[in-house]
């Protein structure tokens, strides 16, 4: 059987061409062999303008709420009022609401039927009964029967919530409202810090 030999110059030329190719060409071939697609990334033209993301906006306000009695109290309007017109300039972000006390909490729940709030208060009273002050369960009992149960309920409920901000308003659902959960019989004024971080719509 006869074999056709390629000219030596042609073989050397092919070898030199392969050696001169950039390494990423071989990388792409290896990726293709492994079944991995190699994706080309386009770079911006030299001298072209690059758009920078907007600077984040920070807002912080403090609101004092006085709960008239022990129980769950809607404070959505007070939180919105504390932020005022400044919230309208935030297109997308987060609103963090934090109460600076150890015997009350914050949560989000139904804003329509008031029996939901009273039922929630009853449920928490059953979960952490005041009778634990007298059966040896609690040791911290010298500030009143409602005190130590209030501390436990605060940790169960949490002293803070985080809400989304969308197009200049708190993105609450139709039936959602912010509750101040007052666990003391006479809690007094409650200081709440409201912090918003987001992107402006300018």
Protein backbone atom coordinates (compact mmCIF):
# COMPACT_ATOMS: atom_id res chain seq x y z
CA UNK A 1 0.00 0.00 0.00
CA UNK A 2 1.41 3.43 -0.91
CA UNK A 3 1.43 6.30 1.58
CA UNK A 4 1.38 9.92 0.52
CA UNK A 5 3.81 12.01 2.55
CA UNK A 6 3.03 15.66 3.22
CA UNK A 7 5.73 18.17 2.39
CA UNK A 8 7.95 18.93 5.35
CA UNK A 9 7.32 22.67 5.05
CA UNK A 10 3.56 22.20 5.33
CA UNK A 11 3.89 20.07 8.47
CA UNK A 12 6.21 22.59 10.12
CA UNK A 13 3.88 25.42 9.18
CA UNK A 14 0.90 23.68 10.84
CA UNK A 15 2.89 23.05 14.02
CA UNK A 16 3.98 26.68 14.24
CA UNK A 17 0.38 27.84 13.69
CA UNK A 18 -0.88 25.62 16.54
CA UNK A 19 1.82 26.83 18.90
CA UNK A 20 1.06 30.46 18.11
CA UNK A 21 -2.65 30.17 19.00
CA UNK A 22 -3.75 31.67 22.37
CA UNK A 23 -4.22 29.27 25.25
CA UNK A 24 -7.94 30.05 25.60
CA UNK A 25 -8.55 28.42 22.21
CA UNK A 26 -7.36 25.08 23.60
CA UNK A 27 -9.35 25.75 26.78
CA UNK A 28 -12.52 26.08 24.73
CA UNK A 29 -11.77 22.80 22.96
CA UNK A 30 -11.26 21.02 26.29
CA UNK A 31 -14.53 22.45 27.61
CA UNK A 32 -16.35 21.25 24.52
CA UNK A 33 -14.93 17.76 25.03
CA UNK A 34 -16.28 17.75 28.61
CA UNK A 35 -19.68 18.93 27.45
CA UNK A 36 -19.22 22.40 28.98
CA UNK A 37 -20.20 25.41 26.92
CA UNK A 38 -17.71 28.23 26.78
CA UNK A 39 -19.37 31.65 26.78
CA UNK A 40 -17.77 34.63 25.13
CA UNK A 41 -17.86 37.81 27.20
CA UNK A 42 -18.05 41.06 25.31
CA UNK A 43 -15.97 43.91 26.64
CA UNK A 44 -17.08 47.53 26.53
CA UNK A 45 -15.61 49.58 23.70
CA UNK A 46 -12.62 51.70 24.57
CA UNK A 47 -13.73 55.15 25.56
CA UNK A 48 -17.39 54.10 25.95
CA UNK A 49 -19.43 55.36 28.88
CA UNK A 50 -20.11 52.93 31.69
CA UNK A 51 -23.32 53.44 33.67
CA UNK A 52 -22.79 53.43 37.43
CA UNK A 53 -25.44 52.11 39.82
CA UNK A 54 -27.23 54.74 41.88
CA UNK A 55 -25.87 55.54 45.31
CA UNK A 56 -27.87 53.96 48.17
CA UNK A 57 -30.05 56.22 50.28
CA UNK A 58 -30.21 55.88 54.06
CA UNK A 59 -32.98 57.24 56.28
CA UNK A 60 -33.40 56.86 60.02
CA UNK A 61 -36.22 58.16 62.17
CA UNK A 62 -37.40 57.62 65.73
CA UNK A 63 -41.02 57.41 66.76
CA UNK A 64 -42.44 57.15 70.28
CA UNK A 65 -45.62 55.10 70.63
CA UNK A 66 -47.65 54.86 73.81
CA UNK A 67 -49.70 51.68 74.02
CA UNK A 68 -52.89 52.43 75.96
CA UNK A 69 -53.01 48.94 77.46
CA UNK A 70 -51.55 45.47 77.28
CA UNK A 71 -52.25 43.80 73.96
CA UNK A 72 -51.61 44.06 70.22
CA UNK A 73 -51.80 47.55 68.71
CA UNK A 74 -51.69 48.59 65.04
CA UNK A 75 -48.95 51.18 64.49
CA UNK A 76 -48.62 51.10 60.68
CA UNK A 77 -49.74 54.72 60.31
CA UNK A 78 -47.25 55.90 62.95
CA UNK A 79 -44.37 54.19 61.15
CA UNK A 80 -45.40 55.67 57.80
CA UNK A 81 -45.83 59.06 59.43
CA UNK A 82 -42.34 58.92 60.93
CA UNK A 83 -40.84 58.41 57.46
CA UNK A 84 -43.07 61.03 55.85
CA UNK A 85 -42.41 62.18 52.32
CA UNK A 86 -38.79 60.91 52.43
CA UNK A 87 -40.02 57.38 51.77
CA UNK A 88 -41.56 58.43 48.45
CA UNK A 89 -38.12 58.93 46.95
CA UNK A 90 -37.06 55.32 47.58
CA UNK A 91 -37.79 53.15 44.57
CA UNK A 92 -36.58 49.83 46.03
CA UNK A 93 -35.13 48.93 49.43
CA UNK A 94 -35.71 47.64 52.93
CA UNK A 95 -37.25 49.16 56.04
CA UNK A 96 -36.05 47.89 59.41
CA UNK A 97 -38.22 48.64 62.45
CA UNK A 98 -36.76 48.07 65.93
CA UNK A 99 -38.28 48.67 69.36
CA UNK A 100 -35.75 49.55 72.09
CA UNK A 101 -37.36 47.64 74.96
CA UNK A 102 -37.30 44.15 76.47
CA UNK A 103 -40.96 43.69 77.36
CA UNK A 104 -42.69 44.41 74.06
CA UNK A 105 -42.26 43.26 70.48
CA UNK A 106 -43.11 43.88 66.83
CA UNK A 107 -44.80 41.66 64.30
CA UNK A 108 -46.87 41.79 61.10
CA UNK A 109 -50.36 40.34 60.97
CA UNK A 110 -53.98 41.07 60.05
CA UNK A 111 -54.99 44.71 60.07
CA UNK A 112 -58.77 44.31 59.67
CA UNK A 113 -60.52 42.18 62.30
CA UNK A 114 -59.58 43.30 65.84
CA UNK A 115 -60.42 39.86 67.23
CA UNK A 116 -57.22 38.58 65.58
CA UNK A 117 -55.21 40.89 67.85
CA UNK A 118 -57.08 39.88 71.00
CA UNK A 119 -56.79 36.18 70.13
CA UNK A 120 -53.05 36.54 69.59
CA UNK A 121 -52.68 38.15 73.01
CA UNK A 122 -54.65 35.31 74.61
CA UNK A 123 -52.57 32.67 72.83
CA UNK A 124 -49.31 34.19 74.07
CA UNK A 125 -50.73 34.38 77.61
CA UNK A 126 -51.41 30.63 77.42
CA UNK A 127 -47.93 29.91 76.04
CA UNK A 128 -46.23 31.87 78.85
CA UNK A 129 -48.65 31.94 81.80
CA UNK A 130 -48.19 34.31 84.74
CA UNK A 131 -48.68 31.34 87.07
CA UNK A 132 -45.04 30.46 86.41
CA UNK A 133 -44.17 33.31 88.77
CA UNK A 134 -45.69 31.32 91.66
CA UNK A 135 -44.92 27.67 90.94
CA UNK A 136 -41.14 27.99 91.01
CA UNK A 137 -40.67 28.16 87.24
CA UNK A 138 -39.46 31.78 87.24
CA UNK A 139 -36.93 33.35 89.61
CA UNK A 140 -37.15 36.92 88.26
CA UNK A 141 -40.47 37.74 89.95
CA UNK A 142 -39.90 40.97 91.86
CA UNK A 143 -41.07 43.36 89.10
CA UNK A 144 -44.62 42.07 88.91
CA UNK A 145 -46.45 39.05 87.57
CA UNK A 146 -46.49 40.49 84.04
CA UNK A 147 -42.74 41.23 83.88
CA UNK A 148 -40.95 37.93 83.32
CA UNK A 149 -43.65 36.58 80.97
CA UNK A 150 -43.22 39.81 79.00
CA UNK A 151 -39.49 39.16 78.57
CA UNK A 152 -40.14 35.65 77.26
CA UNK A 153 -42.86 36.85 74.85
CA UNK A 154 -40.54 39.54 73.50
CA UNK A 155 -37.98 36.91 72.54
CA UNK A 156 -40.69 34.71 71.02
CA UNK A 157 -42.16 37.52 68.92
CA UNK A 158 -38.93 39.54 68.27
CA UNK A 159 -38.21 43.23 68.87
CA UNK A 160 -37.76 43.95 65.16
CA UNK A 161 -39.21 43.39 61.70
CA UNK A 162 -37.91 44.04 58.16
CA UNK A 163 -40.24 45.16 55.39
CA UNK A 164 -39.66 45.63 51.66
CA UNK A 165 -39.95 49.13 50.19
CA UNK A 166 -41.30 49.36 46.65
CA UNK A 167 -41.98 52.46 44.59
CA UNK A 168 -41.99 54.82 47.55
CA UNK A 169 -44.13 52.87 50.00
CA UNK A 170 -44.00 49.95 52.42
CA UNK A 171 -44.83 46.83 50.41
CA UNK A 172 -47.32 45.40 52.89
CA UNK A 173 -50.14 43.15 51.75
CA UNK A 174 -53.73 44.36 51.70
CA UNK A 175 -54.54 42.75 55.04
CA UNK A 176 -51.16 43.23 56.72
CA UNK A 177 -50.37 45.72 59.43
CA UNK A 178 -47.54 46.38 61.87
CA UNK A 179 -48.29 45.42 65.47
CA UNK A 180 -46.74 46.81 68.61
CA UNK A 181 -47.10 43.86 70.98
CA UNK A 182 -47.33 45.35 74.47
CA UNK A 183 -46.75 42.66 77.10
CA UNK A 184 -46.79 44.81 80.26
CA UNK A 185 -49.96 46.00 81.95
CA UNK A 186 -48.54 49.54 81.95
CA UNK A 187 -45.76 49.65 79.42
CA UNK A 188 -45.52 53.40 78.95
CA UNK A 189 -43.89 55.16 75.97
CA UNK A 190 -42.09 52.83 73.57
CA UNK A 191 -39.21 54.15 71.44
CA UNK A 192 -39.01 52.69 67.94
CA UNK A 193 -36.11 53.24 65.51
CA UNK A 194 -37.03 53.05 61.81
CA UNK A 195 -34.19 52.66 59.29
CA UNK A 196 -34.61 52.62 55.51
CA UNK A 197 -31.93 51.73 52.98
CA UNK A 198 -32.57 51.64 49.27
CA UNK A 199 -32.19 53.13 45.80
CA UNK A 200 -33.75 56.42 44.87
CA UNK A 201 -35.95 56.80 41.81
CA UNK A 202 -34.14 59.90 40.60
